[in-house]
Amino acid sequence: MAAVGTLLAVVAALSACDSKKAASEDRISKAEERISESCEGLLPAKHLLPMLPDQPSIAVREYGTMLQPGRESRALLDCSLAWTADTQTAPYRPVKLRAEAVLGQDAAAFPDLDELMASELDEQEKAFGPLPPDAHGMVSLDDDKLVATLTVGCPKGLSGRVRTSRDLLVTLNLPATDPDAYKPSGRERRAAARTAVKTADWVTRRQHCKTPSLADYSPHSQQDKGPGLCSWLDAKALHLTDNTWAAQGGEHYSERIGYCSAVPDDDEYREERHPALQSVTTKSWSGAYTDGVYEEFQDRGKTPGWAGRAKFPRPSTVEIPEPDSELALWARSTCDAGPAYHRAAVALDTEDSAVLQKRERKQLSEDARSVLEQYLKAPAGWPRRSHCHDTEVLGEAPDWQEDDRR
């Protein structure tokens, strides 16, 4: 009888386990179905499911002219996903997907190259892999959110807006899988990138943009792969040093954005040369990416002709109190994607402060000029690939003592 009782207890336990497992699988299935039905099925359900609590209550908020035709909205598509558990009193809303036409002064939504190191730019672009020249995508970490941004062209123009726009911006926010010390894996970055691509294809197809699918894109020529985008950064050609420099930059060519940076390989060179250079950098913004960019630098006093400069003659020496200060030379052109700004900068390598003599200040100007000239004429460089023309040099913008800014 004892053996029979034990057997019945085991059977009951197994049955309870099976019931619990079935109930759990049913909840997962319902949650996956709810997410998959949301946002036109564009959200990455398999990526989100492991983040859900045991008994989630999922709420979806959707609007936009492509979701609610005939209703005024800035967005073509705007969708957010929230969920709560039994122990929560407020909804947790970490997922947001938005697609919108770019209508000027939207620079804040685009990558801030002034704050990106070349290695980080490479890493952020890798999640998307190769994209056509008229597209640019990045996946980055913003506090506790994984953010994917993707800009693509729509030559026929996006409808549903008062003003015509030929640029589509997709932004996706996903929650951190580890809120305490989040470092997104390559797999997580790719999941975010794939969702942004899927959304862009969904919008451009329904907007009749007549553009090929980004998901199916494969580089068909060597130029599409963007070889040698920063190969022009040769120290001897720039007359900066006899030593070699390590160049970095975006791996994939884009009509919208260009970035190159290099530092000397030899640390002794930095000590021997005065003023010592820490790096040289070039950045270009074109088309929609130019909106607000120059004004942003202008607000920080980092453009030529800065209005706040004191009215007195330039001194024979210049004190530079901050390390990593830059002297930038600005130019503008007309390129494939439209108007473009270029910024060529040489950064000083100072541990604390530095005092530049007049001849040294002149040398910095010559260095910046050499970098810009080489950048503009380099066969494999961004300006030549983007067929930039009618280039106008705007002037220098020192990035140091405030009363010396121009």
Protein backbone atom coordinates (compact mmCIF):
# COMPACT_ATOMS: atom_id res chain seq x y z
CA MET A 1 0.00 0.00 0.00
CA ALA A 2 2.93 2.31 0.80
CA ALA A 3 4.39 1.64 -2.64
CA VAL A 4 1.06 2.39 -4.29
CA GLY A 5 0.76 5.65 -2.32
CA THR A 6 4.26 6.69 -3.38
CA LEU A 7 3.49 5.90 -7.01
CA LEU A 8 0.27 7.94 -6.89
CA ALA A 9 2.16 10.87 -5.32
CA VAL A 10 4.78 10.75 -8.10
CA VAL A 11 2.08 10.63 -10.77
CA ALA A 12 0.28 13.59 -9.18
CA ALA A 13 3.53 15.58 -9.00
CA LEU A 14 4.32 14.85 -12.63
CA SER A 15 0.79 15.80 -13.63
CA ALA A 16 1.07 19.07 -11.68
CA CYS A 17 4.41 19.79 -13.40
CA ASP A 18 2.91 19.08 -16.79
CA SER A 19 -0.05 21.34 -16.02
CA LYS A 20 2.25 24.12 -14.82
CA LYS A 21 4.45 23.74 -17.89
CA ALA A 22 1.42 23.76 -20.18
CA ALA A 23 0.07 26.87 -18.47
CA SER A 24 3.44 28.60 -18.82
CA GLU A 25 3.68 27.64 -22.48
CA ASP A 26 0.15 28.92 -23.01
CA ARG A 27 1.02 32.27 -21.41
CA ILE A 28 4.15 32.55 -23.57
CA SER A 29 2.16 31.66 -26.65
CA LYS A 30 -0.48 34.29 -25.88
CA ALA A 31 2.17 36.93 -25.12
CA GLU A 32 3.99 36.14 -28.37
CA GLU A 33 0.71 36.34 -30.27
CA ARG A 34 -0.11 39.70 -28.65
CA ILE A 35 3.30 41.17 -29.51
CA SER A 36 3.24 39.75 -33.03
CA GLU A 37 -0.14 41.35 -33.69
CA SER A 38 1.07 44.74 -32.43
CA CYS A 39 2.76 47.41 -34.54
CA GLU A 40 1.81 45.63 -37.75
CA GLY A 41 3.94 42.66 -36.64
CA LEU A 42 7.14 44.69 -36.84
CA LEU A 43 8.37 44.19 -33.25
CA PRO A 44 10.96 41.46 -32.45
CA ALA A 45 8.72 39.13 -30.41
CA LYS A 46 11.40 36.46 -29.82
CA HIS A 47 13.78 39.11 -28.47
CA LEU A 48 11.17 40.54 -26.10
CA LEU A 49 9.60 37.37 -24.73
CA PRO A 50 12.43 36.48 -22.29
CA MET A 51 12.04 39.94 -20.69
CA LEU A 52 8.36 39.54 -19.82
CA PRO A 53 7.26 38.76 -16.26
CA ASP A 54 5.52 35.50 -15.46
CA GLN A 55 1.98 36.84 -15.89
CA PRO A 56 2.26 39.98 -18.01
CA SER A 57 -0.51 42.35 -18.86
CA ILE A 58 0.42 43.81 -22.24
CA ALA A 59 -0.85 47.14 -23.50
CA VAL A 60 -0.20 48.61 -26.93
CA ARG A 61 -0.50 52.22 -28.09
CA GLU A 62 -0.50 52.86 -31.84
CA TYR A 63 -1.07 55.90 -34.02
CA GLY A 64 0.31 57.58 -37.15
CA THR A 65 -0.99 58.41 -40.60
CA MET A 66 -0.17 54.91 -41.90
CA LEU A 67 -2.02 53.29 -39.00
CA GLN A 68 -4.89 55.78 -38.84
CA PRO A 69 -5.32 57.23 -42.36
CA GLY A 70 -6.87 60.65 -42.56
CA ARG A 71 -5.80 61.69 -39.06
CA GLU A 72 -3.16 64.40 -38.67
CA SER A 73 0.05 63.12 -37.17
CA ARG A 74 3.72 63.98 -37.41
CA ALA A 75 4.56 60.27 -37.54
CA LEU A 76 3.85 57.79 -40.28
CA LEU A 77 3.95 55.07 -37.66
CA ASP A 78 4.31 55.39 -33.88
CA CYS A 79 3.90 52.39 -31.67
CA SER A 80 4.79 51.63 -28.05
CA LEU A 81 4.48 48.45 -26.03
CA ALA A 82 3.92 48.34 -22.26
CA TRP A 83 3.53 45.51 -19.82
CA THR A 84 2.87 45.06 -16.11
CA ALA A 85 3.02 42.15 -13.69
CA ASP A 86 0.86 41.45 -10.66
CA THR A 87 3.42 43.13 -8.41
CA GLN A 88 3.64 46.31 -10.50
CA THR A 89 1.47 49.37 -10.01
CA ALA A 90 2.73 51.35 -13.04
CA PRO A 91 3.23 50.12 -16.59
CA TYR A 92 6.76 49.40 -17.78
CA ARG A 93 7.06 50.88 -21.28
CA PRO A 94 10.47 50.15 -22.73
CA VAL A 95 9.57 49.48 -26.37
CA LYS A 96 8.96 52.27 -28.86
CA LEU A 97 9.00 52.13 -32.65
CA ARG A 98 8.62 55.25 -34.76
CA ALA A 99 8.85 56.02 -38.49
CA GLU A 100 8.64 59.61 -39.69
CA ALA A 101 9.41 61.88 -42.60
CA VAL A 102 12.40 64.13 -41.93
CA LEU A 103 11.30 67.74 -42.11
CA GLY A 104 14.35 69.84 -41.25
CA GLN A 105 15.88 70.74 -37.89
CA ASP A 106 15.79 67.07 -36.91
CA ALA A 107 19.55 66.85 -36.40
CA ALA A 108 19.07 65.71 -32.80
CA ALA A 109 17.69 62.42 -34.11
CA PHE A 110 20.82 61.71 -36.13
CA PRO A 111 24.20 60.45 -34.89
CA ASP A 112 26.35 63.09 -33.19
CA LEU A 113 29.70 62.47 -34.83
CA ASP A 114 31.34 65.07 -32.62
CA GLU A 115 30.90 62.71 -29.67
CA LEU A 116 31.74 59.43 -31.42
CA MET A 117 35.13 57.75 -31.60
CA ALA A 118 35.91 55.98 -34.87
CA SER A 119 36.03 52.56 -33.21
CA GLU A 120 32.55 53.12 -31.74
CA LEU A 121 31.23 54.19 -35.13
CA ASP A 122 32.55 50.99 -36.70
CA GLU A 123 30.92 48.92 -33.96
CA GLN A 124 27.56 50.67 -34.29
CA GLU A 125 27.46 50.25 -38.06
CA LYS A 126 28.35 46.54 -37.94
CA ALA A 127 24.92 45.57 -36.61
CA PHE A 128 23.31 46.59 -39.90
CA GLY A 129 25.99 45.25 -42.22
CA PRO A 130 26.16 46.64 -45.77
CA LEU A 131 23.47 49.15 -46.67
CA PRO A 132 22.88 50.95 -49.98
CA PRO A 133 24.61 54.34 -50.33
CA ASP A 134 21.40 56.30 -49.68
CA ALA A 135 20.87 54.62 -46.29
CA HIS A 136 22.62 54.91 -42.96
CA GLY A 137 22.00 52.90 -39.79
CA MET A 138 23.44 52.76 -36.30
CA VAL A 139 22.74 50.86 -33.08
CA SER A 140 23.88 52.53 -29.88
CA LEU A 141 23.35 52.46 -26.13
CA ASP A 142 21.46 55.35 -24.52
CA ASP A 143 21.36 54.98 -20.74
CA ASP A 144 19.44 51.74 -20.26
CA LYS A 145 18.01 51.57 -23.78
CA LEU A 146 19.27 49.98 -26.97
CA VAL A 147 18.54 52.48 -29.76
CA ALA A 148 18.55 51.71 -33.47
CA THR A 149 18.28 54.56 -36.00
CA LEU A 150 17.97 54.08 -39.74
CA THR A 151 17.63 56.73 -42.43
CA VAL A 152 16.62 55.72 -45.96
CA GLY A 153 15.64 57.59 -49.09
CA CYS A 154 12.27 57.71 -50.83
CA PRO A 155 12.89 59.42 -54.20
CA LYS A 156 9.16 59.67 -54.97
CA GLY A 157 8.53 61.49 -51.68
CA LEU A 158 6.68 60.42 -48.54
CA SER A 159 2.95 61.17 -48.42
CA GLY A 160 0.80 62.11 -45.45
CA ARG A 161 2.72 65.30 -44.71
CA VAL A 162 2.09 68.96 -45.58
CA ARG A 163 5.63 69.36 -46.86
CA THR A 164 7.30 66.81 -49.14
CA SER A 165 10.15 64.82 -47.69
CA ARG A 166 12.37 62.28 -49.40
CA ASP A 167 14.01 61.05 -46.20
CA LEU A 168 12.54 58.45 -43.84
CA LEU A 169 13.83 58.09 -40.29
CA VAL A 170 13.11 54.92 -38.28
CA THR A 171 13.88 54.90 -34.55
CA LEU A 172 13.57 51.85 -32.30
CA ASN A 173 14.03 51.77 -28.50
CA LEU A 174 14.44 48.39 -26.82
CA PRO A 175 14.91 47.74 -23.09
CA ALA A 176 18.16 46.59 -21.54
CA THR A 177 18.32 42.89 -20.79
CA ASP A 178 20.45 43.67 -17.73
CA PRO A 179 19.39 46.98 -16.11
CA ASP A 180 22.39 47.05 -13.73
CA ALA A 181 25.34 46.65 -16.10
CA TYR A 182 24.03 46.50 -19.62
CA LYS A 183 26.44 45.82 -22.44
CA PRO A 184 24.46 44.79 -25.54
CA SER A 185 25.70 41.72 -27.34
CA GLY A 186 26.18 41.53 -31.08
CA ARG A 187 23.07 39.37 -31.23
CA GLU A 188 20.99 42.04 -29.47
CA ARG A 189 22.35 44.79 -31.74
CA ARG A 190 21.50 42.73 -34.82
CA ALA A 191 17.95 42.12 -33.51
CA ALA A 192 17.45 45.87 -33.19
CA ALA A 193 18.94 46.50 -36.64
CA ARG A 194 16.76 43.84 -38.29
CA THR A 195 13.64 45.39 -36.77
CA ALA A 196 14.60 48.84 -38.07
CA VAL A 197 15.23 47.39 -41.55
CA LYS A 198 11.94 45.46 -41.50
CA THR A 199 10.09 48.66 -40.52
CA ALA A 200 11.79 50.76 -43.20
CA ASP A 201 10.91 48.19 -45.86
CA TRP A 202 7.31 48.07 -44.61
CA VAL A 203 6.97 51.86 -44.88
CA THR A 204 8.75 52.36 -48.22
CA ARG A 205 6.74 49.54 -49.80
CA ARG A 206 3.43 51.06 -48.75
CA GLN A 207 4.57 54.58 -49.62
CA HIS A 208 5.41 53.38 -53.17
CA CYS A 209 9.00 54.64 -52.91
CA LYS A 210 10.08 52.17 -55.61
CA THR A 211 13.29 51.40 -53.71
CA PRO A 212 14.80 47.89 -53.38
CA SER A 213 14.31 46.00 -50.13
CA LEU A 214 17.02 46.73 -47.57
CA ALA A 215 16.69 43.20 -46.18
CA ASP A 216 17.62 41.79 -49.58
CA TYR A 217 20.44 44.25 -50.28
CA SER A 218 23.78 42.80 -51.32
CA PRO A 219 26.72 44.97 -52.45
CA HIS A 220 27.13 44.42 -56.17
CA SER A 221 30.26 46.47 -56.69
CA GLN A 222 33.50 47.09 -54.85
CA GLN A 223 32.57 50.73 -54.35
CA ASP A 224 29.43 49.78 -52.42
CA LYS A 225 31.63 48.06 -49.83
CA GLY A 226 33.40 51.32 -49.14
CA PRO A 227 37.08 50.26 -49.40
CA GLY A 228 39.67 52.83 -48.54
CA LEU A 229 37.29 55.48 -47.25
CA CYS A 230 40.03 56.71 -44.93
CA SER A 231 43.09 55.55 -46.85
CA TRP A 232 43.86 59.16 -47.78
CA LEU A 233 44.89 59.78 -44.15
CA ASP A 234 48.57 59.37 -44.95
CA ALA A 235 50.92 61.32 -42.69
CA LYS A 236 53.54 62.01 -45.37
CA ALA A 237 50.97 63.23 -47.90
CA LEU A 238 49.58 65.53 -45.23
CA HIS A 239 53.08 66.79 -44.35
CA LEU A 240 52.41 66.10 -40.70
CA THR A 241 55.20 63.65 -39.84
CA ASP A 242 57.49 61.00 -41.28
CA ASN A 243 55.90 58.39 -39.03
CA THR A 244 52.83 56.30 -39.78
CA TRP A 245 49.32 57.01 -38.55
CA ALA A 246 46.57 54.56 -37.66
CA ALA A 247 43.41 55.51 -39.54
CA GLN A 248 39.86 54.55 -38.56
CA GLY A 249 36.40 55.37 -39.87
CA GLY A 250 33.02 54.10 -40.96
CA GLU A 251 33.23 50.75 -42.70
CA HIS A 252 30.40 51.37 -45.16
CA TYR A 253 30.03 54.25 -47.56
CA SER A 254 26.90 56.36 -47.12
CA GLU A 255 25.85 59.41 -49.11
CA ARG A 256 24.62 60.98 -45.89
CA ILE A 257 27.58 60.84 -43.56
CA GLY A 258 31.36 60.49 -43.58
CA TYR A 259 33.88 60.07 -40.76
CA CYS A 260 37.64 59.49 -40.61
CA SER A 261 40.10 59.79 -37.75
CA ALA A 262 43.79 58.99 -37.24
CA VAL A 263 46.38 59.12 -34.47
CA PRO A 264 50.19 58.81 -34.67
CA ASP A 265 51.55 55.31 -34.10
CA ASP A 266 54.69 56.70 -32.47
CA ASP A 267 54.23 58.31 -29.04
CA GLU A 268 57.71 59.85 -29.24
CA TYR A 269 56.51 61.93 -32.18
CA ARG A 270 53.94 63.64 -29.98
CA GLU A 271 56.66 64.72 -27.54
CA GLU A 272 59.12 65.92 -30.19
CA ARG A 273 56.70 68.00 -32.22
CA HIS A 274 55.29 71.20 -30.75
CA PRO A 275 52.43 71.69 -30.82
CA ALA A 276 51.99 67.93 -30.51
CA LEU A 277 49.02 66.47 -32.38
CA GLN A 278 46.80 63.89 -30.76
CA SER A 279 44.65 63.19 -33.81
CA VAL A 280 43.27 64.46 -37.09
CA THR A 281 39.57 64.06 -37.88
CA THR A 282 37.25 64.75 -40.80
CA LYS A 283 33.47 64.69 -40.70
CA SER A 284 30.88 65.32 -43.38
CA TRP A 285 27.11 65.67 -43.13
CA SER A 286 24.93 65.73 -46.25
CA GLY A 287 21.27 66.01 -47.20
CA ALA A 288 18.91 65.74 -44.25
CA TYR A 289 21.87 65.19 -41.93
CA THR A 290 22.92 68.83 -42.40
CA ASP A 291 19.72 70.17 -40.82
CA GLY A 292 20.68 71.89 -37.61
CA VAL A 293 24.22 70.50 -37.49
CA TYR A 294 26.04 73.76 -38.20
CA GLU A 295 23.69 75.62 -35.88
CA GLU A 296 24.45 73.11 -33.13
CA PHE A 297 28.18 73.84 -33.40
CA GLN A 298 27.42 77.54 -33.68
CA ASP A 299 25.50 77.51 -30.40
CA ARG A 300 28.62 76.12 -28.70
CA GLY A 301 30.88 78.77 -30.26
CA LYS A 302 32.60 76.22 -32.52
CA THR A 303 32.06 77.68 -35.99
CA PRO A 304 33.90 80.35 -37.99
CA GLY A 305 32.94 83.94 -37.24
CA TRP A 306 31.66 83.23 -33.75
CA ALA A 307 29.77 86.33 -32.64
CA GLY A 308 30.98 86.20 -29.05
CA ARG A 309 34.62 86.85 -29.85
CA ALA A 310 36.10 89.89 -28.11
CA LYS A 311 37.14 92.80 -30.37
CA PHE A 312 40.90 93.01 -29.92
CA PRO A 313 43.96 92.02 -32.04
CA ARG A 314 45.12 88.40 -31.97
CA PRO A 315 47.91 88.06 -29.37
CA SER A 316 51.37 86.77 -30.26
CA THR A 317 50.79 83.79 -27.95
CA VAL A 318 47.63 81.73 -27.32
CA GLU A 319 46.96 79.98 -24.03
CA ILE A 320 45.15 76.67 -24.30
CA PRO A 321 43.92 75.67 -20.83
CA GLU A 322 42.07 72.49 -21.84
CA PRO A 323 43.59 69.23 -23.12
CA ASP A 324 42.30 67.69 -26.35
CA SER A 325 41.55 71.10 -27.87
CA GLU A 326 40.93 71.24 -31.61
CA LEU A 327 41.43 73.66 -34.45
CA ALA A 328 38.72 72.97 -37.03
CA LEU A 329 38.44 74.17 -40.61
CA TRP A 330 34.92 74.23 -42.08
CA ALA A 331 33.75 74.01 -45.70
CA ARG A 332 30.46 73.44 -47.54
CA SER A 333 29.66 71.78 -50.84
CA THR A 334 26.86 70.44 -52.99
CA CYS A 335 26.96 66.62 -53.11
CA ASP A 336 24.86 63.67 -54.30
CA ALA A 337 22.52 63.83 -51.29
CA GLY A 338 22.28 67.63 -51.37
CA PRO A 339 24.04 70.40 -49.43
CA ALA A 340 26.94 69.21 -47.28
CA TYR A 341 29.19 70.50 -44.50
CA HIS A 342 32.76 69.31 -43.99
CA ARG A 343 34.80 69.71 -40.82
CA ALA A 344 38.55 68.96 -40.75
CA ALA A 345 40.16 69.19 -37.32
CA VAL A 346 43.58 68.76 -35.75
CA ALA A 347 43.53 67.97 -32.03
CA LEU A 348 46.31 68.99 -29.65
CA ASP A 349 47.87 66.51 -27.25
CA THR A 350 48.30 68.46 -24.00
CA GLU A 351 48.22 66.91 -20.55
CA ASP A 352 47.23 70.12 -18.78
CA SER A 353 47.66 73.37 -20.69
CA ALA A 354 49.75 74.78 -23.50
CA VAL A 355 50.97 78.12 -24.77
CA LEU A 356 51.26 78.48 -28.54
CA GLN A 357 53.67 80.92 -30.12
CA LYS A 358 52.56 82.79 -33.23
CA ARG A 359 54.51 80.46 -35.55
CA GLU A 360 53.03 77.41 -33.81
CA ARG A 361 49.53 78.80 -34.19
CA LYS A 362 50.29 79.29 -37.88
CA GLN A 363 51.52 75.70 -38.12
CA LEU A 364 48.20 74.45 -36.76
CA SER A 365 46.35 76.41 -39.45
CA GLU A 366 48.57 74.87 -42.12
CA ASP A 367 47.95 71.39 -40.68
CA ALA A 368 44.17 71.86 -40.77
CA ARG A 369 44.34 73.22 -44.32
CA SER A 370 46.46 70.27 -45.45
CA VAL A 371 43.98 67.80 -43.95
CA LEU A 372 40.97 69.46 -45.61
CA GLU A 373 42.65 69.73 -49.04
CA GLN A 374 43.73 66.09 -49.00
CA TYR A 375 40.27 65.00 -47.83
CA LEU A 376 38.47 66.89 -50.60
CA LYS A 377 40.65 65.57 -53.43
CA ALA A 378 41.22 61.97 -52.28
CA PRO A 379 39.86 59.59 -55.00
CA ALA A 380 38.52 57.12 -52.41
CA GLY A 381 37.49 59.74 -49.86
CA TRP A 382 33.93 60.64 -48.98
CA PRO A 383 33.71 63.99 -50.91
CA ARG A 384 34.87 62.45 -54.22
CA ARG A 385 32.62 59.42 -53.84
CA SER A 386 29.71 61.75 -53.12
CA HIS A 387 30.59 63.89 -56.21
CA CYS A 388 30.86 67.07 -54.14
CA HIS A 389 31.39 70.30 -56.07
CA ASP A 390 31.24 74.09 -55.66
CA THR A 391 33.13 73.74 -52.38
CA GLU A 392 33.54 76.90 -50.30
CA VAL A 393 35.95 77.09 -47.35
CA LEU A 394 34.14 78.86 -44.51
CA GLY A 395 37.05 79.42 -42.13
CA GLU A 396 38.64 78.24 -38.90
CA ALA A 397 37.03 77.58 -35.53
CA PRO A 398 39.49 77.30 -32.61
CA ASP A 399 38.19 75.17 -29.77
CA TRP A 400 39.98 76.74 -26.83
CA GLN A 401 40.12 79.93 -24.79
CA GLU A 402 36.73 81.58 -25.17
CA ASP A 403 37.97 85.09 -25.97
CA ASP A 404 40.04 83.72 -28.87
CA ARG A 405 37.11 81.98 -30.60
CA ARG A 406 35.96 83.33 -33.97
